[in-house]
Amino acid sequence: MSESVHPANAKADMRTAAALFVFALLVVVLSVVALVIWGLPALSLIALAATILVFGMLVAYAAGF
């Protein structure tokens, strides 16, 4: 049982996917730049930010968002 995807939904999904890919690329580029500028301490800051982000996503999931 395959469902047909409405073209408007497909476009919205493609826009969302493109935005997520751009965001992920931006995070990688900023991480590399931070690593080049500040060296290894930047990895600690990146890990701390990632921990806070994951914690926030878990809280949002638990809250039903």
PDB file of N, CA and C in Angstrom:
ATOM      1  N   MET A   1       0.828  -1.180   0.000  1.00  0.00           N
ATOM      2  CA  MET A   1       0.000   0.000   0.000  1.00  0.00           C
ATOM      3  C   MET A   1       0.872   1.242   0.000  1.00  0.00           C
ATOM      4  N   SER A   2       1.113   1.753  -1.141  1.00  0.00           N
ATOM      5  CA  SER A   2       1.911   2.971  -1.218  1.00  0.00           C
ATOM      6  C   SER A   2       0.983   4.174  -1.281  1.00  0.00           C
ATOM      7  N   GLU A   3       1.385   5.193  -0.557  1.00  0.00           N
ATOM      8  CA  GLU A   3       0.614   6.428  -0.555  1.00  0.00           C
ATOM      9  C   GLU A   3       1.225   7.388  -1.565  1.00  0.00           C
ATOM     10  N   SER A   4       0.363   8.085  -2.284  1.00  0.00           N
ATOM     11  CA  SER A   4       0.892   9.073  -3.207  1.00  0.00           C
ATOM     12  C   SER A   4       1.250  10.338  -2.419  1.00  0.00           C
ATOM     13  N   VAL A   5       2.353  10.929  -2.786  1.00  0.00           N
ATOM     14  CA  VAL A   5       2.828  12.119  -2.108  1.00  0.00           C
ATOM     15  C   VAL A   5       2.377  13.327  -2.902  1.00  0.00           C
ATOM     16  N   HIS A   6       1.732  14.235  -2.213  1.00  0.00           N
ATOM     17  CA  HIS A   6       1.275  15.461  -2.855  1.00  0.00           C
ATOM     18  C   HIS A   6       2.501  16.298  -3.219  1.00  0.00           C
ATOM     19  N   PRO A   7       2.505  16.909  -4.414  1.00  0.00           N
ATOM     20  CA  PRO A   7       3.687  17.687  -4.836  1.00  0.00           C
ATOM     21  C   PRO A   7       4.073  18.795  -3.865  1.00  0.00           C
ATOM     22  N   ALA A   8       3.096  19.408  -3.225  1.00  0.00           N
ATOM     23  CA  ALA A   8       3.407  20.477  -2.270  1.00  0.00           C
ATOM     24  C   ALA A   8       4.138  19.907  -1.058  1.00  0.00           C
ATOM     25  N   ASN A   9       3.728  18.723  -0.612  1.00  0.00           N
ATOM     26  CA  ASN A   9       4.404  18.087   0.518  1.00  0.00           C
ATOM     27  C   ASN A   9       5.820  17.669   0.134  1.00  0.00           C
ATOM     28  N   ALA A  10       5.977  17.178  -1.078  1.00  0.00           N
ATOM     29  CA  ALA A  10       7.305  16.768  -1.539  1.00  0.00           C
ATOM     30  C   ALA A  10       8.246  17.968  -1.605  1.00  0.00           C
ATOM     31  N   LYS A  11       7.745  19.109  -2.090  1.00  0.00           N
ATOM     32  CA  LYS A  11       8.572  20.318  -2.156  1.00  0.00           C
ATOM     33  C   LYS A  11       8.949  20.791  -0.756  1.00  0.00           C
ATOM     34  N   ALA A  12       7.998  20.743   0.159  1.00  0.00           N
ATOM     35  CA  ALA A  12       8.275  21.163   1.531  1.00  0.00           C
ATOM     36  C   ALA A  12       9.310  20.240   2.166  1.00  0.00           C
ATOM     37  N   ASP A  13       9.190  18.946   1.917  1.00  0.00           N
ATOM     38  CA  ASP A  13      10.164  17.993   2.453  1.00  0.00           C
ATOM     39  C   ASP A  13      11.549  18.236   1.855  1.00  0.00           C
ATOM     40  N   MET A  14      11.604  18.546   0.578  1.00  0.00           N
ATOM     41  CA  MET A  14      12.897  18.809  -0.065  1.00  0.00           C
ATOM     42  C   MET A  14      13.520  20.086   0.490  1.00  0.00           C
ATOM     43  N   ARG A  15      12.702  21.117   0.738  1.00  0.00           N
ATOM     44  CA  ARG A  15      13.219  22.356   1.322  1.00  0.00           C
ATOM     45  C   ARG A  15      13.761  22.104   2.726  1.00  0.00           C
ATOM     46  N   THR A  16      13.031  21.314   3.498  1.00  0.00           N
ATOM     47  CA  THR A  16      13.473  20.996   4.855  1.00  0.00           C
ATOM     48  C   THR A  16      14.778  20.209   4.824  1.00  0.00           C
ATOM     49  N   ALA A  17      14.861  19.230   3.948  1.00  0.00           N
ATOM     50  CA  ALA A  17      16.080  18.431   3.829  1.00  0.00           C
ATOM     51  C   ALA A  17      17.256  19.301   3.398  1.00  0.00           C
ATOM     52  N   ALA A  18      17.028  20.198   2.447  1.00  0.00           N
ATOM     53  CA  ALA A  18      18.098  21.080   1.990  1.00  0.00           C
ATOM     54  C   ALA A  18      18.560  21.998   3.124  1.00  0.00           C
ATOM     55  N   ALA A  19      17.629  22.514   3.901  1.00  0.00           N
ATOM     56  CA  ALA A  19      17.986  23.377   5.025  1.00  0.00           C
ATOM     57  C   ALA A  19      18.790  22.602   6.067  1.00  0.00           C
ATOM     58  N   LEU A  20      18.425  21.361   6.315  1.00  0.00           N
ATOM     59  CA  LEU A  20      19.165  20.544   7.281  1.00  0.00           C
ATOM     60  C   LEU A  20      20.575  20.237   6.783  1.00  0.00           C
ATOM     61  N   PHE A  21      20.716  19.949   5.492  1.00  0.00           N
ATOM     62  CA  PHE A  21      22.042  19.709   4.935  1.00  0.00           C
ATOM     63  C   PHE A  21      22.912  20.958   5.009  1.00  0.00           C
ATOM     64  N   VAL A  22      22.339  22.111   4.718  1.00  0.00           N
ATOM     65  CA  VAL A  22      23.091  23.368   4.793  1.00  0.00           C
ATOM     66  C   VAL A  22      23.501  23.635   6.240  1.00  0.00           C
ATOM     67  N   PHE A  23      22.596  23.384   7.180  1.00  0.00           N
ATOM     68  CA  PHE A  23      22.912  23.577   8.592  1.00  0.00           C
ATOM     69  C   PHE A  23      24.041  22.649   9.028  1.00  0.00           C
ATOM     70  N   ALA A  24      23.971  21.387   8.622  1.00  0.00           N
ATOM     71  CA  ALA A  24      25.019  20.426   8.981  1.00  0.00           C
ATOM     72  C   ALA A  24      26.361  20.843   8.376  1.00  0.00           C
ATOM     73  N   LEU A  25      26.364  21.291   7.135  1.00  0.00           N
ATOM     74  CA  LEU A  25      27.593  21.755   6.497  1.00  0.00           C
ATOM     75  C   LEU A  25      28.148  22.976   7.216  1.00  0.00           C
ATOM     76  N   LEU A  26      27.275  23.884   7.615  1.00  0.00           N
ATOM     77  CA  LEU A  26      27.699  25.073   8.344  1.00  0.00           C
ATOM     78  C   LEU A  26      28.330  24.699   9.687  1.00  0.00           C
ATOM     79  N   VAL A  27      27.742  23.737  10.373  1.00  0.00           N
ATOM     80  CA  VAL A  27      28.293  23.283  11.653  1.00  0.00           C
ATOM     81  C   VAL A  27      29.686  22.675  11.447  1.00  0.00           C
ATOM     82  N   VAL A  28      29.846  21.872  10.418  1.00  0.00           N
ATOM     83  CA  VAL A  28      31.156  21.266  10.150  1.00  0.00           C
ATOM     84  C   VAL A  28      32.185  22.339   9.819  1.00  0.00           C
ATOM     85  N   VAL A  29      31.828  23.288   8.983  1.00  0.00           N
ATOM     86  CA  VAL A  29      32.764  24.358   8.604  1.00  0.00           C
ATOM     87  C   VAL A  29      33.141  25.199   9.825  1.00  0.00           C
ATOM     88  N   LEU A  30      32.160  25.564  10.635  1.00  0.00           N
ATOM     89  CA  LEU A  30      32.460  26.350  11.833  1.00  0.00           C
ATOM     90  C   LEU A  30      33.315  25.564  12.817  1.00  0.00           C
ATOM     91  N   SER A  31      33.089  24.267  12.908  1.00  0.00           N
ATOM     92  CA  SER A  31      33.907  23.428  13.785  1.00  0.00           C
ATOM     93  C   SER A  31      35.364  23.396  13.317  1.00  0.00           C
ATOM     94  N   VAL A  32      35.557  23.259  12.027  1.00  0.00           N
ATOM     95  CA  VAL A  32      36.923  23.244  11.490  1.00  0.00           C
ATOM     96  C   VAL A  32      37.593  24.595  11.699  1.00  0.00           C
ATOM     97  N   VAL A  33      36.860  25.668  11.467  1.00  0.00           N
ATOM     98  CA  VAL A  33      37.424  27.009  11.669  1.00  0.00           C
ATOM     99  C   VAL A  33      37.796  27.206  13.137  1.00  0.00           C
ATOM    100  N   ALA A  34      36.912  26.783  14.052  1.00  0.00           N
ATOM    101  CA  ALA A  34      37.203  26.911  15.484  1.00  0.00           C
ATOM    102  C   ALA A  34      38.415  26.076  15.862  1.00  0.00           C
ATOM    103  N   LEU A  35      38.529  24.900  15.282  1.00  0.00           N
ATOM    104  CA  LEU A  35      39.677  24.040  15.563  1.00  0.00           C
ATOM    105  C   LEU A  35      40.979  24.670  15.062  1.00  0.00           C
ATOM    106  N   VAL A  36      40.925  25.294  13.903  1.00  0.00           N
ATOM    107  CA  VAL A  36      42.125  25.944  13.358  1.00  0.00           C
ATOM    108  C   VAL A  36      42.510  27.163  14.203  1.00  0.00           C
ATOM    109  N   ILE A  37      41.524  27.922  14.644  1.00  0.00           N
ATOM    110  CA  ILE A  37      41.815  29.142  15.399  1.00  0.00           C
ATOM    111  C   ILE A  37      42.260  28.819  16.829  1.00  0.00           C
ATOM    112  N   TRP A  38      41.498  27.978  17.547  1.00  0.00           N
ATOM    113  CA  TRP A  38      41.747  27.763  18.970  1.00  0.00           C
ATOM    114  C   TRP A  38      42.399  26.424  19.288  1.00  0.00           C
ATOM    115  N   GLY A  39      42.522  25.545  18.324  1.00  0.00           N
ATOM    116  CA  GLY A  39      43.166  24.260  18.570  1.00  0.00           C
ATOM    117  C   GLY A  39      42.278  23.286  19.326  1.00  0.00           C
ATOM    118  N   LEU A  40      42.902  22.429  20.118  1.00  0.00           N
ATOM    119  CA  LEU A  40      42.168  21.373  20.802  1.00  0.00           C
ATOM    120  C   LEU A  40      41.118  21.847  21.799  1.00  0.00           C
ATOM    121  N   PRO A  41      41.281  22.985  22.491  1.00  0.00           N
ATOM    122  CA  PRO A  41      40.200  23.434  23.371  1.00  0.00           C
ATOM    123  C   PRO A  41      38.878  23.666  22.626  1.00  0.00           C
ATOM    124  N   ALA A  42      38.958  23.952  21.341  1.00  0.00           N
ATOM    125  CA  ALA A  42      37.738  24.130  20.558  1.00  0.00           C
ATOM    126  C   ALA A  42      36.937  22.836  20.502  1.00  0.00           C
ATOM    127  N   LEU A  43      37.614  21.685  20.517  1.00  0.00           N
ATOM    128  CA  LEU A  43      36.895  20.417  20.509  1.00  0.00           C
ATOM    129  C   LEU A  43      36.046  20.252  21.761  1.00  0.00           C
ATOM    130  N   SER A  44      36.557  20.721  22.891  1.00  0.00           N
ATOM    131  CA  SER A  44      35.777  20.662  24.133  1.00  0.00           C
ATOM    132  C   SER A  44      34.543  21.545  24.040  1.00  0.00           C
ATOM    133  N   LEU A  45      34.710  22.729  23.469  1.00  0.00           N
ATOM    134  CA  LEU A  45      33.561  23.627  23.321  1.00  0.00           C
ATOM    135  C   LEU A  45      32.532  23.055  22.352  1.00  0.00           C
ATOM    136  N   ILE A  46      33.003  22.435  21.286  1.00  0.00           N
ATOM    137  CA  ILE A  46      32.093  21.816  20.308  1.00  0.00           C
ATOM    138  C   ILE A  46      31.337  20.660  20.963  1.00  0.00           C
ATOM    139  N   ALA A  47      32.056  19.847  21.748  1.00  0.00           N
ATOM    140  CA  ALA A  47      31.408  18.723  22.425  1.00  0.00           C
ATOM    141  C   ALA A  47      30.387  19.211  23.444  1.00  0.00           C
ATOM    142  N   LEU A  48      30.697  20.281  24.153  1.00  0.00           N
ATOM    143  CA  LEU A  48      29.749  20.835  25.118  1.00  0.00           C
ATOM    144  C   LEU A  48      28.502  21.359  24.413  1.00  0.00           C
ATOM    145  N   ALA A  49      28.687  22.060  23.312  1.00  0.00           N
ATOM    146  CA  ALA A  49      27.542  22.565  22.555  1.00  0.00           C
ATOM    147  C   ALA A  49      26.698  21.420  22.000  1.00  0.00           C
ATOM    148  N   ALA A  50      27.346  20.357  21.529  1.00  0.00           N
ATOM    149  CA  ALA A  50      26.606  19.206  21.006  1.00  0.00           C
ATOM    150  C   ALA A  50      25.833  18.513  22.115  1.00  0.00           C
ATOM    151  N   THR A  51      26.419  18.429  23.300  1.00  0.00           N
ATOM    152  CA  THR A  51      25.722  17.820  24.439  1.00  0.00           C
ATOM    153  C   THR A  51      24.481  18.613  24.799  1.00  0.00           C
ATOM    154  N   ILE A  52      24.603  19.917  24.837  1.00  0.00           N
ATOM    155  CA  ILE A  52      23.457  20.768  25.155  1.00  0.00           C
ATOM    156  C   ILE A  52      22.380  20.643  24.080  1.00  0.00           C
ATOM    157  N   LEU A  53      22.789  20.584  22.821  1.00  0.00           N
ATOM    158  CA  LEU A  53      21.837  20.438  21.722  1.00  0.00           C
ATOM    159  C   LEU A  53      21.079  19.112  21.821  1.00  0.00           C
ATOM    160  N   VAL A  54      21.800  18.028  22.061  1.00  0.00           N
ATOM    161  CA  VAL A  54      21.147  16.716  22.179  1.00  0.00           C
ATOM    162  C   VAL A  54      20.218  16.692  23.385  1.00  0.00           C
ATOM    163  N   PHE A  55      20.649  17.264  24.499  1.00  0.00           N
ATOM    164  CA  PHE A  55      19.793  17.321  25.679  1.00  0.00           C
ATOM    165  C   PHE A  55      18.517  18.103  25.374  1.00  0.00           C
ATOM    166  N   GLY A  56      18.653  19.212  24.669  1.00  0.00           N
ATOM    167  CA  GLY A  56      17.475  19.999  24.295  1.00  0.00           C
ATOM    168  C   GLY A  56      16.527  19.222  23.393  1.00  0.00           C
ATOM    169  N   MET A  57      17.092  18.460  22.447  1.00  0.00           N
ATOM    170  CA  MET A  57      16.238  17.659  21.568  1.00  0.00           C
ATOM    171  C   MET A  57      15.514  16.571  22.356  1.00  0.00           C
ATOM    172  N   LEU A  58      16.196  15.949  23.316  1.00  0.00           N
ATOM    173  CA  LEU A  58      15.553  14.929  24.141  1.00  0.00           C
ATOM    174  C   LEU A  58      14.439  15.517  24.996  1.00  0.00           C
ATOM    175  N   VAL A  59      14.659  16.692  25.540  1.00  0.00           N
ATOM    176  CA  VAL A  59      13.617  17.359  26.333  1.00  0.00           C
ATOM    177  C   VAL A  59      12.428  17.707  25.437  1.00  0.00           C
ATOM    178  N   ALA A  60      12.697  18.208  24.235  1.00  0.00           N
ATOM    179  CA  ALA A  60      11.612  18.551  23.320  1.00  0.00           C
ATOM    180  C   ALA A  60      10.823  17.293  22.923  1.00  0.00           C
ATOM    181  N   TYR A  61      11.530  16.189  22.696  1.00  0.00           N
ATOM    182  CA  TYR A  61      10.855  14.928  22.344  1.00  0.00           C
ATOM    183  C   TYR A  61       9.999  14.449  23.506  1.00  0.00           C
ATOM    184  N   ALA A  62      10.528  14.536  24.715  1.00  0.00           N
ATOM    185  CA  ALA A  62       9.773  14.111  25.889  1.00  0.00           C
ATOM    186  C   ALA A  62       8.554  14.995  26.120  1.00  0.00           C
ATOM    187  N   ALA A  63       8.652  16.273  25.748  1.00  0.00           N
ATOM    188  CA  ALA A  63       7.539  17.195  25.913  1.00  0.00           C
ATOM    189  C   ALA A  63       6.493  17.035  24.808  1.00  0.00           C
ATOM    190  N   GLY A  64       6.826  16.298  23.771  1.00  0.00           N
ATOM    191  CA  GLY A  64       5.838  16.037  22.717  1.00  0.00           C
ATOM    192  C   GLY A  64       5.949  16.932  21.500  1.00  0.00           C
ATOM    193  N   PHE A  65       7.053  17.625  21.330  1.00  0.00           N
ATOM    194  CA  PHE A  65       7.204  18.482  20.149  1.00  0.00           C
ATOM    195  C   PHE A  65       7.652  17.703  18.961  1.00  0.00           C
TER     196      PHE A  65
END
